[in-house]
N, C-alpha and C. Protein backbone atom coordinates (compact mmCIF):
# COMPACT_ATOMS: atom_id res chain seq x y z
N MET A 1 104.53 76.59 159.81
CA MET A 1 104.17 75.68 158.73
C MET A 1 105.15 75.86 157.56
N GLU A 2 105.67 74.77 157.11
CA GLU A 2 106.61 74.79 155.99
C GLU A 2 105.84 74.96 154.68
N ARG A 3 106.28 75.90 153.86
CA ARG A 3 105.62 76.14 152.56
C ARG A 3 106.22 75.20 151.52
N GLN A 4 105.37 74.58 150.73
CA GLN A 4 105.82 73.59 149.75
C GLN A 4 105.38 73.91 148.33
N GLY A 5 104.95 75.15 148.08
CA GLY A 5 104.44 75.51 146.75
C GLY A 5 105.40 75.19 145.62
N GLY A 6 106.65 75.60 145.77
CA GLY A 6 107.65 75.35 144.72
C GLY A 6 107.86 73.87 144.49
N PHE A 7 107.97 73.12 145.58
CA PHE A 7 108.14 71.67 145.46
C PHE A 7 106.94 71.04 144.76
N LEU A 8 105.73 71.45 145.16
CA LEU A 8 104.52 70.87 144.57
C LEU A 8 104.41 71.21 143.08
N ILE A 9 104.73 72.45 142.73
CA ILE A 9 104.68 72.84 141.31
C ILE A 9 105.67 72.00 140.50
N THR A 10 106.87 71.83 141.02
CA THR A 10 107.89 71.03 140.33
C THR A 10 107.43 69.59 140.19
N ARG A 11 106.88 69.03 141.25
CA ARG A 11 106.41 67.64 141.22
C ARG A 11 105.26 67.46 140.24
N ILE A 12 104.32 68.40 140.23
CA ILE A 12 103.20 68.34 139.28
C ILE A 12 103.73 68.40 137.85
N LYS A 13 104.72 69.25 137.62
CA LYS A 13 105.31 69.36 136.28
C LYS A 13 105.94 68.04 135.86
N GLN A 14 106.66 67.39 136.77
CA GLN A 14 107.31 66.11 136.45
C GLN A 14 106.29 65.02 136.16
N VAL A 15 105.34 64.84 137.06
CA VAL A 15 104.34 63.79 136.89
C VAL A 15 103.44 64.11 135.70
N GLY A 16 103.04 65.37 135.58
CA GLY A 16 102.20 65.78 134.45
C GLY A 16 102.89 65.55 133.12
N GLY A 17 104.20 65.80 133.07
CA GLY A 17 104.97 65.55 131.85
C GLY A 17 104.95 64.09 131.45
N ARG A 18 105.08 63.21 132.44
CA ARG A 18 105.04 61.78 132.15
C ARG A 18 103.66 61.36 131.65
N ILE A 19 102.63 61.90 132.27
CA ILE A 19 101.26 61.58 131.83
C ILE A 19 101.04 62.10 130.41
N PHE A 20 101.52 63.31 130.13
CA PHE A 20 101.39 63.89 128.79
C PHE A 20 102.04 62.98 127.76
N GLU A 21 103.25 62.51 128.06
CA GLU A 21 103.96 61.61 127.13
C GLU A 21 103.19 60.30 126.95
N ARG A 22 102.61 59.79 128.03
CA ARG A 22 101.83 58.55 127.95
C ARG A 22 100.59 58.74 127.07
N ILE A 23 99.92 59.88 127.22
CA ILE A 23 98.74 60.17 126.40
C ILE A 23 99.14 60.27 124.93
N LEU A 24 100.25 60.94 124.65
CA LEU A 24 100.74 61.01 123.27
C LEU A 24 100.94 59.60 122.70
N ALA A 25 101.58 58.73 123.48
CA ALA A 25 101.84 57.36 123.02
C ALA A 25 100.54 56.59 122.82
N GLN A 26 99.60 56.73 123.74
CA GLN A 26 98.31 56.03 123.62
C GLN A 26 97.55 56.46 122.37
N ARG A 27 97.72 57.70 121.98
CA ARG A 27 97.04 58.23 120.79
C ARG A 27 97.88 58.08 119.52
N ASN A 28 99.02 57.40 119.67
CA ASN A 28 99.94 57.20 118.54
C ASN A 28 100.38 58.51 117.91
N ILE A 29 100.60 59.52 118.74
CA ILE A 29 101.11 60.81 118.27
C ILE A 29 102.61 60.81 118.52
N ASP A 30 103.37 60.72 117.45
CA ASP A 30 104.83 60.69 117.60
C ASP A 30 105.52 61.82 116.85
N ALA A 31 104.74 62.77 116.34
CA ALA A 31 105.32 63.88 115.59
C ALA A 31 106.02 64.88 116.50
N PHE A 32 105.63 64.92 117.77
CA PHE A 32 106.26 65.83 118.73
C PHE A 32 106.19 65.21 120.12
N ASN A 33 107.06 65.69 121.01
CA ASN A 33 107.01 65.25 122.40
C ASN A 33 106.50 66.40 123.26
N GLY A 34 106.39 66.16 124.56
CA GLY A 34 105.85 67.17 125.46
C GLY A 34 106.57 68.50 125.41
N PRO A 35 107.90 68.51 125.58
CA PRO A 35 108.61 69.80 125.52
C PRO A 35 108.47 70.50 124.16
N GLN A 36 108.45 69.74 123.08
CA GLN A 36 108.25 70.35 121.76
C GLN A 36 106.83 70.90 121.65
N GLY A 37 105.90 70.27 122.34
CA GLY A 37 104.52 70.77 122.36
C GLY A 37 104.44 72.17 122.92
N ARG A 38 105.29 72.48 123.92
CA ARG A 38 105.32 73.85 124.47
C ARG A 38 105.71 74.85 123.40
N ILE A 39 106.69 74.49 122.60
CA ILE A 39 107.14 75.37 121.52
C ILE A 39 106.04 75.53 120.49
N LEU A 40 105.45 74.42 120.10
CA LEU A 40 104.38 74.46 119.11
C LEU A 40 103.21 75.30 119.62
N TYR A 41 102.87 75.14 120.88
CA TYR A 41 101.75 75.90 121.47
C TYR A 41 101.97 77.40 121.28
N VAL A 42 103.17 77.86 121.61
CA VAL A 42 103.46 79.30 121.47
C VAL A 42 103.36 79.72 120.01
N LEU A 43 103.90 78.89 119.11
CA LEU A 43 103.88 79.24 117.69
C LEU A 43 102.47 79.16 117.10
N TRP A 44 101.62 78.30 117.62
CA TRP A 44 100.22 78.27 117.16
C TRP A 44 99.50 79.55 117.55
N GLN A 45 99.95 80.20 118.62
CA GLN A 45 99.36 81.47 119.04
C GLN A 45 99.90 82.62 118.19
N ARG A 46 101.22 82.59 117.93
CA ARG A 46 101.88 83.66 117.19
C ARG A 46 103.02 83.08 116.39
N ASP A 47 102.75 82.75 115.17
CA ASP A 47 103.75 82.16 114.28
C ASP A 47 104.70 83.24 113.77
N GLY A 48 105.93 82.83 113.47
CA GLY A 48 106.90 83.74 112.87
C GLY A 48 107.49 84.73 113.86
N ILE A 49 107.84 84.25 115.05
CA ILE A 49 108.42 85.14 116.06
C ILE A 49 109.92 84.89 116.17
N PRO A 50 110.66 85.90 116.64
CA PRO A 50 112.11 85.72 116.82
C PRO A 50 112.40 84.66 117.88
N ILE A 51 113.53 84.02 117.75
CA ILE A 51 113.90 82.96 118.69
C ILE A 51 114.01 83.50 120.12
N SER A 52 114.44 84.75 120.29
CA SER A 52 114.54 85.32 121.64
C SER A 52 113.16 85.43 122.29
N GLU A 53 112.18 85.79 121.52
CA GLU A 53 110.82 85.88 122.03
C GLU A 53 110.26 84.49 122.34
N LEU A 54 110.57 83.53 121.48
CA LEU A 54 110.14 82.15 121.71
C LEU A 54 110.77 81.62 123.00
N SER A 55 112.02 81.95 123.24
CA SER A 55 112.70 81.55 124.47
C SER A 55 111.99 82.13 125.69
N ARG A 56 111.66 83.39 125.62
CA ARG A 56 110.98 84.06 126.74
C ARG A 56 109.59 83.46 126.97
N GLU A 57 108.85 83.21 125.90
CA GLU A 57 107.48 82.70 126.02
C GLU A 57 107.42 81.26 126.52
N THR A 58 108.41 80.45 126.16
CA THR A 58 108.42 79.04 126.58
C THR A 58 109.14 78.84 127.90
N GLY A 59 109.97 79.81 128.29
CA GLY A 59 110.77 79.66 129.49
C GLY A 59 111.98 78.77 129.28
N LEU A 60 112.31 78.47 128.03
CA LEU A 60 113.46 77.62 127.71
C LEU A 60 114.69 78.49 127.46
N ALA A 61 115.83 78.04 127.97
CA ALA A 61 117.09 78.73 127.72
C ALA A 61 117.40 78.67 126.23
N MET A 62 118.08 79.68 125.74
CA MET A 62 118.42 79.75 124.30
C MET A 62 119.17 78.51 123.84
N THR A 63 120.11 78.02 124.63
CA THR A 63 120.87 76.84 124.22
C THR A 63 119.97 75.61 124.12
N THR A 64 119.07 75.44 125.07
CA THR A 64 118.12 74.32 125.04
C THR A 64 117.19 74.46 123.85
N LEU A 65 116.67 75.66 123.66
CA LEU A 65 115.72 75.92 122.58
C LEU A 65 116.35 75.69 121.22
N THR A 66 117.58 76.13 121.04
CA THR A 66 118.26 75.97 119.75
C THR A 66 118.37 74.49 119.37
N GLY A 67 118.77 73.65 120.32
CA GLY A 67 118.86 72.22 120.05
C GLY A 67 117.52 71.61 119.73
N MET A 68 116.49 72.03 120.46
CA MET A 68 115.15 71.50 120.20
C MET A 68 114.64 71.94 118.83
N LEU A 69 114.92 73.19 118.47
CA LEU A 69 114.50 73.68 117.15
C LEU A 69 115.23 72.95 116.03
N ASP A 70 116.50 72.61 116.26
CA ASP A 70 117.25 71.83 115.26
C ASP A 70 116.52 70.52 114.98
N ARG A 71 116.13 69.80 116.05
CA ARG A 71 115.42 68.52 115.88
C ARG A 71 114.05 68.73 115.24
N MET A 72 113.36 69.78 115.65
CA MET A 72 112.03 70.05 115.09
C MET A 72 112.12 70.43 113.62
N GLU A 73 113.18 71.13 113.26
CA GLU A 73 113.38 71.48 111.85
C GLU A 73 113.67 70.23 111.03
N THR A 74 114.52 69.35 111.57
CA THR A 74 114.83 68.08 110.90
C THR A 74 113.57 67.24 110.71
N ASN A 75 112.66 67.30 111.70
CA ASN A 75 111.42 66.52 111.64
C ASN A 75 110.29 67.23 110.89
N GLY A 76 110.60 68.37 110.29
CA GLY A 76 109.62 69.06 109.45
C GLY A 76 108.52 69.79 110.20
N LEU A 77 108.82 70.24 111.42
CA LEU A 77 107.81 70.95 112.20
C LEU A 77 107.96 72.47 112.15
N VAL A 78 109.20 72.94 112.07
CA VAL A 78 109.46 74.38 112.03
C VAL A 78 110.51 74.66 110.96
N ARG A 79 110.59 75.94 110.61
CA ARG A 79 111.66 76.39 109.72
C ARG A 79 112.11 77.76 110.20
N ARG A 80 113.39 77.99 110.02
CA ARG A 80 113.96 79.29 110.38
C ARG A 80 114.00 80.13 109.11
N GLU A 81 113.60 81.39 109.26
CA GLU A 81 113.62 82.31 108.11
C GLU A 81 114.14 83.66 108.56
N ARG A 82 114.81 84.33 107.66
CA ARG A 82 115.31 85.68 107.95
C ARG A 82 114.14 86.66 107.89
N GLY A 83 114.19 87.65 108.79
CA GLY A 83 113.16 88.68 108.81
C GLY A 83 113.27 89.58 107.59
N ASP A 84 112.14 90.13 107.17
CA ASP A 84 112.14 91.04 106.03
C ASP A 84 112.78 92.38 106.37
N ALA A 85 112.40 92.94 107.51
CA ALA A 85 112.91 94.25 107.89
C ALA A 85 114.35 94.18 108.38
N ASP A 86 114.65 93.19 109.16
CA ASP A 86 116.00 93.03 109.72
C ASP A 86 116.50 91.64 109.34
N ARG A 87 117.36 91.58 108.34
CA ARG A 87 117.84 90.29 107.81
C ARG A 87 118.66 89.51 108.83
N ARG A 88 119.14 90.19 109.88
CA ARG A 88 119.91 89.50 110.92
C ARG A 88 119.01 88.70 111.85
N LYS A 89 117.75 89.09 111.92
CA LYS A 89 116.80 88.45 112.84
C LYS A 89 116.29 87.15 112.23
N ILE A 90 116.36 86.08 113.01
CA ILE A 90 115.86 84.77 112.58
C ILE A 90 114.47 84.58 113.18
N LEU A 91 113.49 84.33 112.32
CA LEU A 91 112.13 84.08 112.77
C LEU A 91 111.84 82.59 112.71
N ILE A 92 111.07 82.10 113.67
CA ILE A 92 110.70 80.69 113.73
C ILE A 92 109.27 80.57 113.23
N ASN A 93 109.11 79.77 112.19
CA ASN A 93 107.80 79.57 111.57
C ASN A 93 107.39 78.11 111.60
N LEU A 94 106.10 77.89 111.73
CA LEU A 94 105.55 76.54 111.66
C LEU A 94 105.47 76.08 110.21
N THR A 95 105.64 74.79 110.00
CA THR A 95 105.40 74.21 108.69
C THR A 95 103.91 73.85 108.60
N GLU A 96 103.46 73.54 107.41
CA GLU A 96 102.07 73.10 107.25
C GLU A 96 101.82 71.83 108.05
N ASN A 97 102.81 70.95 108.09
CA ASN A 97 102.70 69.72 108.87
C ASN A 97 102.43 70.04 110.34
N ALA A 98 103.15 70.98 110.91
CA ALA A 98 102.96 71.35 112.32
C ALA A 98 101.60 71.98 112.54
N LYS A 99 101.15 72.79 111.60
CA LYS A 99 99.84 73.43 111.74
C LYS A 99 98.73 72.39 111.81
N MET A 100 98.91 71.28 111.10
CA MET A 100 97.89 70.23 111.10
C MET A 100 97.87 69.43 112.40
N LEU A 101 98.88 69.58 113.25
CA LEU A 101 98.96 68.84 114.51
C LEU A 101 98.23 69.54 115.66
N LYS A 102 97.76 70.75 115.42
CA LYS A 102 97.16 71.54 116.50
C LYS A 102 95.97 70.83 117.13
N ASP A 103 95.11 70.22 116.34
CA ASP A 103 93.94 69.52 116.89
C ASP A 103 94.36 68.36 117.78
N ASP A 104 95.38 67.60 117.36
CA ASP A 104 95.89 66.51 118.20
C ASP A 104 96.38 67.04 119.54
N TYR A 105 97.14 68.12 119.48
CA TYR A 105 97.68 68.72 120.70
C TYR A 105 96.53 69.18 121.61
N ASN A 106 95.53 69.82 121.02
CA ASN A 106 94.40 70.31 121.82
C ASN A 106 93.66 69.16 122.50
N GLU A 107 93.53 68.04 121.83
CA GLU A 107 92.86 66.88 122.44
C GLU A 107 93.67 66.36 123.63
N VAL A 108 94.98 66.30 123.47
CA VAL A 108 95.83 65.81 124.56
C VAL A 108 95.78 66.78 125.74
N THR A 109 95.86 68.08 125.48
CA THR A 109 95.82 69.04 126.58
C THR A 109 94.45 69.06 127.25
N LYS A 110 93.40 68.82 126.50
CA LYS A 110 92.07 68.73 127.11
C LYS A 110 92.02 67.54 128.07
N GLU A 111 92.57 66.42 127.64
CA GLU A 111 92.57 65.22 128.49
C GLU A 111 93.38 65.45 129.76
N ILE A 112 94.54 66.07 129.63
CA ILE A 112 95.37 66.28 130.83
C ILE A 112 94.73 67.33 131.73
N SER A 113 94.06 68.32 131.17
CA SER A 113 93.36 69.31 131.99
C SER A 113 92.26 68.66 132.81
N GLU A 114 91.57 67.69 132.21
CA GLU A 114 90.53 66.97 132.94
C GLU A 114 91.13 66.19 134.11
N ILE A 115 92.34 65.67 133.93
CA ILE A 115 93.04 64.98 135.02
C ILE A 115 93.41 65.98 136.11
N TYR A 116 94.01 67.11 135.71
CA TYR A 116 94.44 68.11 136.68
C TYR A 116 93.27 68.64 137.51
N TYR A 117 92.17 68.93 136.87
CA TYR A 117 91.07 69.66 137.52
C TYR A 117 89.92 68.76 137.97
N LYS A 118 90.14 67.48 138.03
CA LYS A 118 89.11 66.56 138.51
C LYS A 118 88.68 66.97 139.92
N GLY A 119 87.38 67.15 140.10
CA GLY A 119 86.84 67.51 141.41
C GLY A 119 86.88 68.98 141.74
N PHE A 120 87.36 69.82 140.83
CA PHE A 120 87.42 71.26 141.06
C PHE A 120 86.19 71.94 140.46
N ALA A 121 85.67 72.93 141.16
CA ALA A 121 84.61 73.77 140.62
C ALA A 121 85.24 74.82 139.70
N GLU A 122 84.45 75.35 138.78
CA GLU A 122 84.96 76.36 137.84
C GLU A 122 85.58 77.55 138.56
N GLU A 123 84.96 78.02 139.63
CA GLU A 123 85.48 79.15 140.38
C GLU A 123 86.82 78.80 141.02
N GLU A 124 86.97 77.59 141.50
CA GLU A 124 88.25 77.16 142.08
C GLU A 124 89.35 77.16 141.02
N ILE A 125 89.02 76.70 139.83
CA ILE A 125 90.00 76.68 138.73
C ILE A 125 90.40 78.10 138.38
N ARG A 126 89.42 78.98 138.25
CA ARG A 126 89.71 80.38 137.90
C ARG A 126 90.62 81.01 138.96
N GLN A 127 90.29 80.78 140.22
CA GLN A 127 91.07 81.35 141.32
C GLN A 127 92.49 80.75 141.36
N PHE A 128 92.59 79.46 141.21
CA PHE A 128 93.89 78.78 141.22
C PHE A 128 94.78 79.31 140.11
N GLU A 129 94.24 79.44 138.90
CA GLU A 129 95.04 79.94 137.78
C GLU A 129 95.43 81.40 137.98
N ALA A 130 94.58 82.18 138.64
CA ALA A 130 94.94 83.57 138.96
C ALA A 130 96.12 83.60 139.93
N TYR A 131 96.13 82.69 140.90
CA TYR A 131 97.26 82.61 141.83
C TYR A 131 98.53 82.21 141.09
N LEU A 132 98.42 81.23 140.20
CA LEU A 132 99.60 80.81 139.44
C LEU A 132 100.15 81.96 138.60
N ARG A 133 99.27 82.75 137.98
CA ARG A 133 99.73 83.90 137.19
C ARG A 133 100.48 84.91 138.08
N ARG A 134 99.99 85.12 139.28
CA ARG A 134 100.67 86.03 140.22
C ARG A 134 102.05 85.49 140.58
N ILE A 135 102.14 84.20 140.82
CA ILE A 135 103.44 83.59 141.13
C ILE A 135 104.37 83.74 139.94
N LEU A 136 103.85 83.52 138.73
CA LEU A 136 104.67 83.65 137.53
C LEU A 136 105.21 85.07 137.40
N VAL A 137 104.38 86.07 137.63
CA VAL A 137 104.84 87.46 137.59
C VAL A 137 105.96 87.67 138.61
N ASN A 138 105.76 87.14 139.82
CA ASN A 138 106.78 87.30 140.87
C ASN A 138 108.12 86.70 140.45
N VAL A 139 108.11 85.50 139.89
CA VAL A 139 109.39 84.88 139.55
C VAL A 139 109.99 85.51 138.29
N GLU A 140 109.14 85.94 137.36
CA GLU A 140 109.68 86.59 136.15
C GLU A 140 110.33 87.93 136.47
N GLU A 141 109.86 88.59 137.50
CA GLU A 141 110.47 89.86 137.92
C GLU A 141 111.91 89.66 138.38
N ARG A 142 112.23 88.46 138.83
CA ARG A 142 113.56 88.15 139.34
C ARG A 142 114.54 87.69 138.27
N MET A 143 114.07 87.52 137.05
CA MET A 143 114.95 87.04 135.98
C MET A 143 115.86 88.13 135.49
């Protein structure tokens, strides 16, 4: 039997991303896009983190992340600040505007989660996410 886990995960990510963008448009949310939402999500959990840590948490390459942060800074969502202890370290902080978008983001992610898990029992969801975490650990070990 041919294993298709990687293909299926990639396909779900592609289709899910399009649905996420469509939901944003339907709700007239234009302050951020799907990929920027990943960055915001991490910062809503832990604001003021170094760009290297943000890269690791989002899975975005530093070059990709830097360009995205440039656009987000221009759009008033994040700001770069020097660390107090180590002035060489650049910390990424949310603006007040970005903090106010968290509820919108949560509504969109709730809607997409309902699409993803339609017909699943709670135990199936818990088990599925546990498997995904194990896969993530396996691939992160190879980085």
